[in-house]
């Protein structure tokens, strides 16, 4: 169990390491990773939508066993314990945490660029 204020996931710990300057990723690589995360989130959301549609699958017949199979598969898609919708949502949350880490490298680069530009302006033409 973690202490209050400590990161609780791997990617939250990576974000803290980036904030503390213990982790570096060049901006181009961070941009590529961020883009890959965006694409992956789109795919995960598509799968989440597909899982939701699977809750309404029919055709298992009128027997009790067919109705039970339909219920089991429906709950596995969404609404039941360890259902696909919830699993996919947890993956989306992890990828969003990853994006936070990659975003820190953009912010650090922008800060450095702004600082350098300000320093150059303050020195004026020579």
N, C-alpha and C. Protein backbone atom coordinates (compact mmCIF):
# COMPACT_ATOMS: atom_id res chain seq x y z
N UNK A 1 0.85 -1.18 0.00
CA UNK A 1 0.00 0.00 0.00
C UNK A 1 0.89 1.24 0.00
N UNK A 2 0.53 2.24 -0.82
CA UNK A 2 1.36 3.43 -0.91
C UNK A 2 0.92 4.48 0.10
N UNK A 3 1.84 5.36 0.41
CA UNK A 3 1.54 6.46 1.32
C UNK A 3 0.77 7.54 0.58
N UNK A 4 -0.03 8.34 1.30
CA UNK A 4 -0.74 9.43 0.63
C UNK A 4 0.24 10.36 -0.07
N UNK A 5 -0.12 10.76 -1.29
CA UNK A 5 0.74 11.64 -2.05
C UNK A 5 1.76 10.92 -2.92
N UNK A 6 1.96 9.62 -2.69
CA UNK A 6 2.88 8.85 -3.52
C UNK A 6 2.14 8.35 -4.76
N UNK A 7 2.85 8.24 -5.88
CA UNK A 7 2.19 7.72 -7.08
C UNK A 7 1.71 6.28 -6.84
N UNK A 8 0.60 5.93 -7.46
CA UNK A 8 0.05 4.59 -7.26
C UNK A 8 0.22 3.70 -8.48
N UNK A 9 0.58 4.25 -9.62
CA UNK A 9 0.79 3.42 -10.80
C UNK A 9 2.20 3.65 -11.34
N UNK A 10 2.60 2.75 -12.19
CA UNK A 10 3.92 2.84 -12.82
C UNK A 10 4.06 4.15 -13.58
N UNK A 11 3.04 4.50 -14.35
CA UNK A 11 3.15 5.71 -15.17
C UNK A 11 3.06 6.98 -14.34
N UNK A 12 2.36 6.93 -13.22
CA UNK A 12 2.38 8.09 -12.31
C UNK A 12 3.78 8.27 -11.73
N UNK A 13 4.43 7.16 -11.41
CA UNK A 13 5.80 7.23 -10.91
C UNK A 13 6.74 7.77 -11.99
N UNK A 14 6.50 7.39 -13.24
CA UNK A 14 7.31 7.91 -14.34
C UNK A 14 7.10 9.42 -14.48
N UNK A 15 5.87 9.90 -14.29
CA UNK A 15 5.59 11.33 -14.37
C UNK A 15 6.36 12.09 -13.29
N UNK A 16 6.40 11.52 -12.08
CA UNK A 16 7.14 12.14 -10.99
C UNK A 16 8.63 12.18 -11.34
N UNK A 17 9.14 11.08 -11.88
CA UNK A 17 10.56 11.02 -12.27
C UNK A 17 10.86 12.08 -13.34
N UNK A 18 9.94 12.27 -14.27
CA UNK A 18 10.14 13.30 -15.30
C UNK A 18 10.14 14.69 -14.67
N UNK A 19 9.23 14.92 -13.73
CA UNK A 19 9.18 16.22 -13.04
C UNK A 19 10.47 16.50 -12.29
N UNK A 20 11.09 15.46 -11.76
CA UNK A 20 12.30 15.61 -10.95
C UNK A 20 13.58 15.58 -11.80
N UNK A 21 13.41 15.50 -13.12
CA UNK A 21 14.57 15.48 -14.00
C UNK A 21 15.31 14.17 -14.03
N UNK A 22 14.70 13.10 -13.54
CA UNK A 22 15.34 11.79 -13.51
C UNK A 22 15.02 10.97 -14.75
N UNK A 23 14.18 11.51 -15.61
CA UNK A 23 13.75 10.80 -16.81
C UNK A 23 13.77 11.78 -17.96
N UNK A 24 14.35 11.37 -19.08
CA UNK A 24 14.42 12.26 -20.23
C UNK A 24 14.01 11.49 -21.48
N UNK A 25 13.29 12.17 -22.35
CA UNK A 25 12.93 11.64 -23.65
C UNK A 25 12.96 12.82 -24.61
N UNK A 26 13.65 12.67 -25.73
CA UNK A 26 13.73 13.82 -26.64
C UNK A 26 12.34 14.13 -27.19
N UNK A 27 12.10 15.38 -27.56
CA UNK A 27 10.76 15.81 -27.97
C UNK A 27 10.20 15.05 -29.16
N UNK A 28 11.06 14.67 -30.11
CA UNK A 28 10.58 13.93 -31.28
C UNK A 28 10.06 12.55 -30.88
N UNK A 29 10.79 11.88 -30.02
CA UNK A 29 10.35 10.57 -29.54
C UNK A 29 9.07 10.71 -28.71
N UNK A 30 9.01 11.74 -27.87
CA UNK A 30 7.81 11.98 -27.08
C UNK A 30 6.61 12.24 -27.97
N UNK A 31 6.82 13.00 -29.05
CA UNK A 31 5.73 13.28 -29.99
C UNK A 31 5.25 11.99 -30.67
N UNK A 32 6.20 11.14 -31.05
CA UNK A 32 5.83 9.86 -31.66
C UNK A 32 5.06 8.98 -30.70
N UNK A 33 5.51 8.93 -29.46
CA UNK A 33 4.82 8.14 -28.44
C UNK A 33 3.42 8.70 -28.17
N UNK A 34 3.32 10.01 -28.10
CA UNK A 34 2.03 10.65 -27.85
C UNK A 34 1.06 10.35 -28.99
N UNK A 35 1.54 10.41 -30.22
CA UNK A 35 0.71 10.11 -31.38
C UNK A 35 0.26 8.64 -31.37
N UNK A 36 1.18 7.75 -31.04
CA UNK A 36 0.83 6.33 -30.95
C UNK A 36 -0.22 6.11 -29.87
N UNK A 37 -0.12 6.84 -28.76
CA UNK A 37 -1.12 6.73 -27.70
C UNK A 37 -2.48 7.18 -28.20
N UNK A 38 -2.52 8.29 -28.93
CA UNK A 38 -3.79 8.78 -29.48
C UNK A 38 -4.43 7.74 -30.39
N UNK A 39 -3.63 7.13 -31.25
CA UNK A 39 -4.14 6.11 -32.17
C UNK A 39 -4.63 4.89 -31.39
N UNK A 40 -3.91 4.50 -30.37
CA UNK A 40 -4.29 3.34 -29.57
C UNK A 40 -5.60 3.59 -28.82
N UNK A 41 -5.75 4.79 -28.30
CA UNK A 41 -6.99 5.14 -27.59
C UNK A 41 -8.18 5.05 -28.54
N UNK A 42 -8.01 5.51 -29.77
CA UNK A 42 -9.10 5.41 -30.76
C UNK A 42 -9.49 3.94 -30.93
N UNK A 43 -8.49 3.07 -31.09
CA UNK A 43 -8.77 1.63 -31.26
C UNK A 43 -9.44 1.05 -30.02
N UNK A 44 -8.95 1.41 -28.84
CA UNK A 44 -9.55 0.89 -27.61
C UNK A 44 -11.00 1.33 -27.48
N UNK A 45 -11.30 2.56 -27.87
CA UNK A 45 -12.69 3.04 -27.81
C UNK A 45 -13.57 2.31 -28.82
N UNK A 46 -13.00 2.00 -29.99
CA UNK A 46 -13.75 1.21 -30.97
C UNK A 46 -14.08 -0.17 -30.40
N UNK A 47 -13.12 -0.78 -29.73
CA UNK A 47 -13.34 -2.09 -29.13
C UNK A 47 -14.36 -2.00 -27.98
N UNK A 48 -14.31 -0.90 -27.24
CA UNK A 48 -15.28 -0.69 -26.16
C UNK A 48 -16.69 -0.61 -26.74
N UNK A 49 -16.84 0.11 -27.84
CA UNK A 49 -18.15 0.20 -28.50
C UNK A 49 -18.61 -1.18 -28.98
N UNK A 50 -17.68 -1.95 -29.55
CA UNK A 50 -18.02 -3.29 -30.01
C UNK A 50 -18.45 -4.18 -28.84
N UNK A 51 -17.76 -4.06 -27.73
CA UNK A 51 -18.12 -4.85 -26.54
C UNK A 51 -19.53 -4.49 -26.07
N UNK A 52 -19.85 -3.20 -26.12
CA UNK A 52 -21.18 -2.76 -25.71
C UNK A 52 -22.25 -3.36 -26.64
N UNK A 53 -21.94 -3.44 -27.92
CA UNK A 53 -22.91 -4.03 -28.87
C UNK A 53 -23.10 -5.52 -28.59
N UNK A 54 -22.09 -6.17 -28.07
CA UNK A 54 -22.19 -7.61 -27.79
C UNK A 54 -23.14 -7.93 -26.64
N UNK A 55 -23.52 -6.91 -25.89
CA UNK A 55 -24.45 -7.18 -24.79
C UNK A 55 -25.84 -7.50 -25.31
N UNK A 56 -26.12 -7.20 -26.57
CA UNK A 56 -27.45 -7.43 -27.14
C UNK A 56 -27.48 -8.56 -28.16
N UNK A 57 -26.52 -9.46 -28.10
CA UNK A 57 -26.48 -10.58 -29.03
C UNK A 57 -27.58 -11.56 -28.65
N UNK A 58 -28.32 -12.01 -29.66
CA UNK A 58 -29.40 -12.96 -29.40
C UNK A 58 -29.21 -14.17 -30.31
N UNK A 59 -30.16 -15.06 -30.28
CA UNK A 59 -30.11 -16.23 -31.14
C UNK A 59 -29.68 -17.49 -30.42
N UNK A 60 -29.73 -17.47 -29.11
CA UNK A 60 -29.32 -18.64 -28.34
C UNK A 60 -30.50 -19.57 -28.05
N UNK A 61 -31.66 -19.22 -28.54
CA UNK A 61 -32.83 -20.08 -28.38
C UNK A 61 -33.63 -19.74 -27.15
N UNK A 62 -34.73 -20.48 -27.02
CA UNK A 62 -35.67 -20.23 -25.92
C UNK A 62 -35.45 -21.11 -24.71
N UNK A 63 -34.57 -22.08 -24.83
CA UNK A 63 -34.32 -22.95 -23.68
C UNK A 63 -33.59 -22.16 -22.60
N UNK A 64 -33.75 -22.62 -21.37
CA UNK A 64 -33.09 -21.94 -20.26
C UNK A 64 -31.57 -21.90 -20.44
N UNK A 65 -31.01 -22.98 -20.98
CA UNK A 65 -29.56 -23.01 -21.17
C UNK A 65 -29.12 -21.96 -22.19
N UNK A 66 -29.89 -21.75 -23.24
CA UNK A 66 -29.58 -20.72 -24.23
C UNK A 66 -29.68 -19.33 -23.63
N UNK A 67 -30.71 -19.11 -22.82
CA UNK A 67 -30.85 -17.81 -22.16
C UNK A 67 -29.70 -17.56 -21.19
N UNK A 68 -29.25 -18.62 -20.52
CA UNK A 68 -28.13 -18.49 -19.58
C UNK A 68 -26.83 -18.16 -20.32
N UNK A 69 -26.59 -18.82 -21.45
CA UNK A 69 -25.40 -18.53 -22.25
C UNK A 69 -25.45 -17.07 -22.73
N UNK A 70 -26.61 -16.62 -23.18
CA UNK A 70 -26.76 -15.24 -23.62
C UNK A 70 -26.45 -14.27 -22.49
N UNK A 71 -26.95 -14.55 -21.30
CA UNK A 71 -26.70 -13.69 -20.14
C UNK A 71 -25.22 -13.66 -19.80
N UNK A 72 -24.58 -14.83 -19.79
CA UNK A 72 -23.16 -14.92 -19.44
C UNK A 72 -22.32 -14.12 -20.44
N UNK A 73 -22.56 -14.31 -21.73
CA UNK A 73 -21.79 -13.58 -22.75
C UNK A 73 -22.07 -12.09 -22.68
N UNK A 74 -23.29 -11.73 -22.43
CA UNK A 74 -23.65 -10.32 -22.33
C UNK A 74 -22.91 -9.66 -21.16
N UNK A 75 -22.88 -10.32 -20.01
CA UNK A 75 -22.20 -9.77 -18.85
C UNK A 75 -20.68 -9.76 -19.02
N UNK A 76 -20.15 -10.69 -19.82
CA UNK A 76 -18.71 -10.68 -20.10
C UNK A 76 -18.35 -9.50 -20.98
N UNK A 77 -19.27 -9.08 -21.85
CA UNK A 77 -19.02 -7.94 -22.73
C UNK A 77 -19.08 -6.63 -21.94
N UNK A 78 -20.11 -6.48 -21.12
CA UNK A 78 -20.27 -5.25 -20.34
C UNK A 78 -21.22 -5.51 -19.18
N UNK A 79 -20.88 -4.98 -18.05
CA UNK A 79 -21.78 -5.05 -16.89
C UNK A 79 -21.47 -6.12 -15.87
N UNK A 80 -20.81 -7.20 -16.27
CA UNK A 80 -20.50 -8.26 -15.32
C UNK A 80 -19.12 -8.07 -14.71
N UNK A 81 -18.76 -9.01 -13.85
CA UNK A 81 -17.44 -8.96 -13.23
C UNK A 81 -16.36 -9.17 -14.29
N UNK A 82 -15.31 -8.38 -14.22
CA UNK A 82 -14.19 -8.49 -15.17
C UNK A 82 -14.64 -8.43 -16.62
N UNK A 83 -15.60 -7.56 -16.91
CA UNK A 83 -16.12 -7.49 -18.28
C UNK A 83 -15.17 -6.75 -19.20
N UNK A 84 -15.33 -7.01 -20.49
CA UNK A 84 -14.45 -6.44 -21.50
C UNK A 84 -14.50 -4.91 -21.51
N UNK A 85 -15.66 -4.34 -21.33
CA UNK A 85 -15.78 -2.88 -21.32
C UNK A 85 -14.92 -2.26 -20.23
N UNK A 86 -14.97 -2.83 -19.03
CA UNK A 86 -14.17 -2.29 -17.92
C UNK A 86 -12.68 -2.52 -18.15
N UNK A 87 -12.31 -3.66 -18.69
CA UNK A 87 -10.91 -3.95 -18.96
C UNK A 87 -10.37 -2.96 -19.99
N UNK A 88 -11.13 -2.73 -21.04
CA UNK A 88 -10.69 -1.77 -22.06
C UNK A 88 -10.59 -0.36 -21.48
N UNK A 89 -11.54 0.01 -20.62
CA UNK A 89 -11.48 1.33 -20.00
C UNK A 89 -10.24 1.47 -19.13
N UNK A 90 -9.85 0.42 -18.44
CA UNK A 90 -8.64 0.49 -17.62
C UNK A 90 -7.41 0.67 -18.50
N UNK A 91 -7.42 0.06 -19.69
CA UNK A 91 -6.31 0.26 -20.63
C UNK A 91 -6.28 1.71 -21.12
N UNK A 92 -7.44 2.26 -21.40
CA UNK A 92 -7.52 3.66 -21.83
C UNK A 92 -6.93 4.57 -20.75
N UNK A 93 -7.27 4.30 -19.50
CA UNK A 93 -6.75 5.12 -18.40
C UNK A 93 -5.23 5.04 -18.30
N UNK A 94 -4.66 3.86 -18.52
CA UNK A 94 -3.20 3.71 -18.49
C UNK A 94 -2.57 4.50 -19.63
N UNK A 95 -3.17 4.41 -20.82
CA UNK A 95 -2.61 5.14 -21.96
C UNK A 95 -2.72 6.64 -21.73
N UNK A 96 -3.79 7.09 -21.09
CA UNK A 96 -3.91 8.52 -20.75
C UNK A 96 -2.81 8.93 -19.78
N UNK A 97 -2.46 8.06 -18.82
CA UNK A 97 -1.36 8.34 -17.90
C UNK A 97 -0.03 8.41 -18.66
N UNK A 98 0.12 7.56 -19.66
CA UNK A 98 1.32 7.59 -20.48
C UNK A 98 1.43 8.92 -21.21
N UNK A 99 0.29 9.39 -21.73
CA UNK A 99 0.28 10.67 -22.44
C UNK A 99 0.70 11.82 -21.54
N UNK A 100 0.34 11.75 -20.26
CA UNK A 100 0.75 12.79 -19.31
C UNK A 100 2.27 12.83 -19.22
N UNK A 101 2.89 11.65 -19.16
CA UNK A 101 4.35 11.59 -19.08
C UNK A 101 4.97 12.18 -20.34
N UNK A 102 4.48 11.78 -21.51
CA UNK A 102 5.04 12.30 -22.76
C UNK A 102 4.81 13.80 -22.87
N UNK A 103 3.69 14.28 -22.37
CA UNK A 103 3.39 15.71 -22.40
C UNK A 103 4.37 16.53 -21.58
N UNK A 104 4.90 15.94 -20.54
CA UNK A 104 5.87 16.64 -19.70
C UNK A 104 7.13 16.99 -20.50
N UNK A 105 7.49 16.16 -21.46
CA UNK A 105 8.67 16.45 -22.27
C UNK A 105 8.41 17.59 -23.24
N UNK A 106 7.15 17.73 -23.70
CA UNK A 106 6.80 18.89 -24.53
C UNK A 106 6.89 20.15 -23.70
N UNK A 107 6.32 20.10 -22.49
CA UNK A 107 6.32 21.27 -21.61
C UNK A 107 7.75 21.68 -21.26
N UNK A 108 8.59 20.72 -20.98
CA UNK A 108 9.99 21.03 -20.63
C UNK A 108 10.71 21.66 -21.81
N UNK A 109 10.47 21.16 -23.00
CA UNK A 109 11.11 21.72 -24.19
C UNK A 109 10.61 23.14 -24.46
N UNK A 110 9.30 23.35 -24.34
CA UNK A 110 8.74 24.69 -24.55
C UNK A 110 9.29 25.67 -23.52
N UNK A 111 9.40 25.22 -22.26
CA UNK A 111 9.94 26.09 -21.21
C UNK A 111 11.39 26.48 -21.54
N UNK A 112 12.18 25.50 -21.94
CA UNK A 112 13.58 25.78 -22.28
C UNK A 112 13.66 26.74 -23.47
N UNK A 113 12.84 26.50 -24.49
CA UNK A 113 12.84 27.38 -25.65
C UNK A 113 12.43 28.80 -25.27
N UNK A 114 11.40 28.93 -24.44
CA UNK A 114 10.95 30.26 -24.00
C UNK A 114 12.04 30.96 -23.18
N UNK A 115 12.69 30.21 -22.30
CA UNK A 115 13.76 30.78 -21.47
C UNK A 115 14.91 31.25 -22.35
N UNK A 116 15.29 30.43 -23.31
CA UNK A 116 16.39 30.80 -24.21
C UNK A 116 16.03 32.03 -25.03
N UNK A 117 14.80 32.09 -25.51
CA UNK A 117 14.36 33.24 -26.30
C UNK A 117 14.38 34.50 -25.46
N UNK A 118 13.92 34.41 -24.22
CA UNK A 118 13.93 35.57 -23.32
C UNK A 118 15.35 36.02 -23.05
N UNK A 119 16.25 35.09 -22.81
CA UNK A 119 17.66 35.43 -22.56
C UNK A 119 18.27 36.12 -23.77
N UNK A 120 17.97 35.64 -24.96
CA UNK A 120 18.52 36.24 -26.17
C UNK A 120 17.97 37.66 -26.38
N UNK A 121 16.67 37.83 -26.12
CA UNK A 121 16.06 39.15 -26.26
C UNK A 121 16.65 40.13 -25.27
N UNK A 122 16.90 39.68 -24.06
CA UNK A 122 17.43 40.59 -23.02
C UNK A 122 18.86 41.03 -23.34
N UNK A 123 19.59 40.21 -24.06
CA UNK A 123 20.96 40.58 -24.42
C UNK A 123 20.98 41.57 -25.58
N UNK A 124 19.93 41.57 -26.39
CA UNK A 124 19.84 42.52 -27.49
C UNK A 124 20.87 42.27 -28.55
N UNK A 125 20.81 43.05 -29.64
CA UNK A 125 21.79 42.88 -30.72
C UNK A 125 23.16 43.37 -30.26
N UNK A 126 24.18 42.73 -30.74
CA UNK A 126 25.54 43.09 -30.36
C UNK A 126 26.24 43.75 -31.50
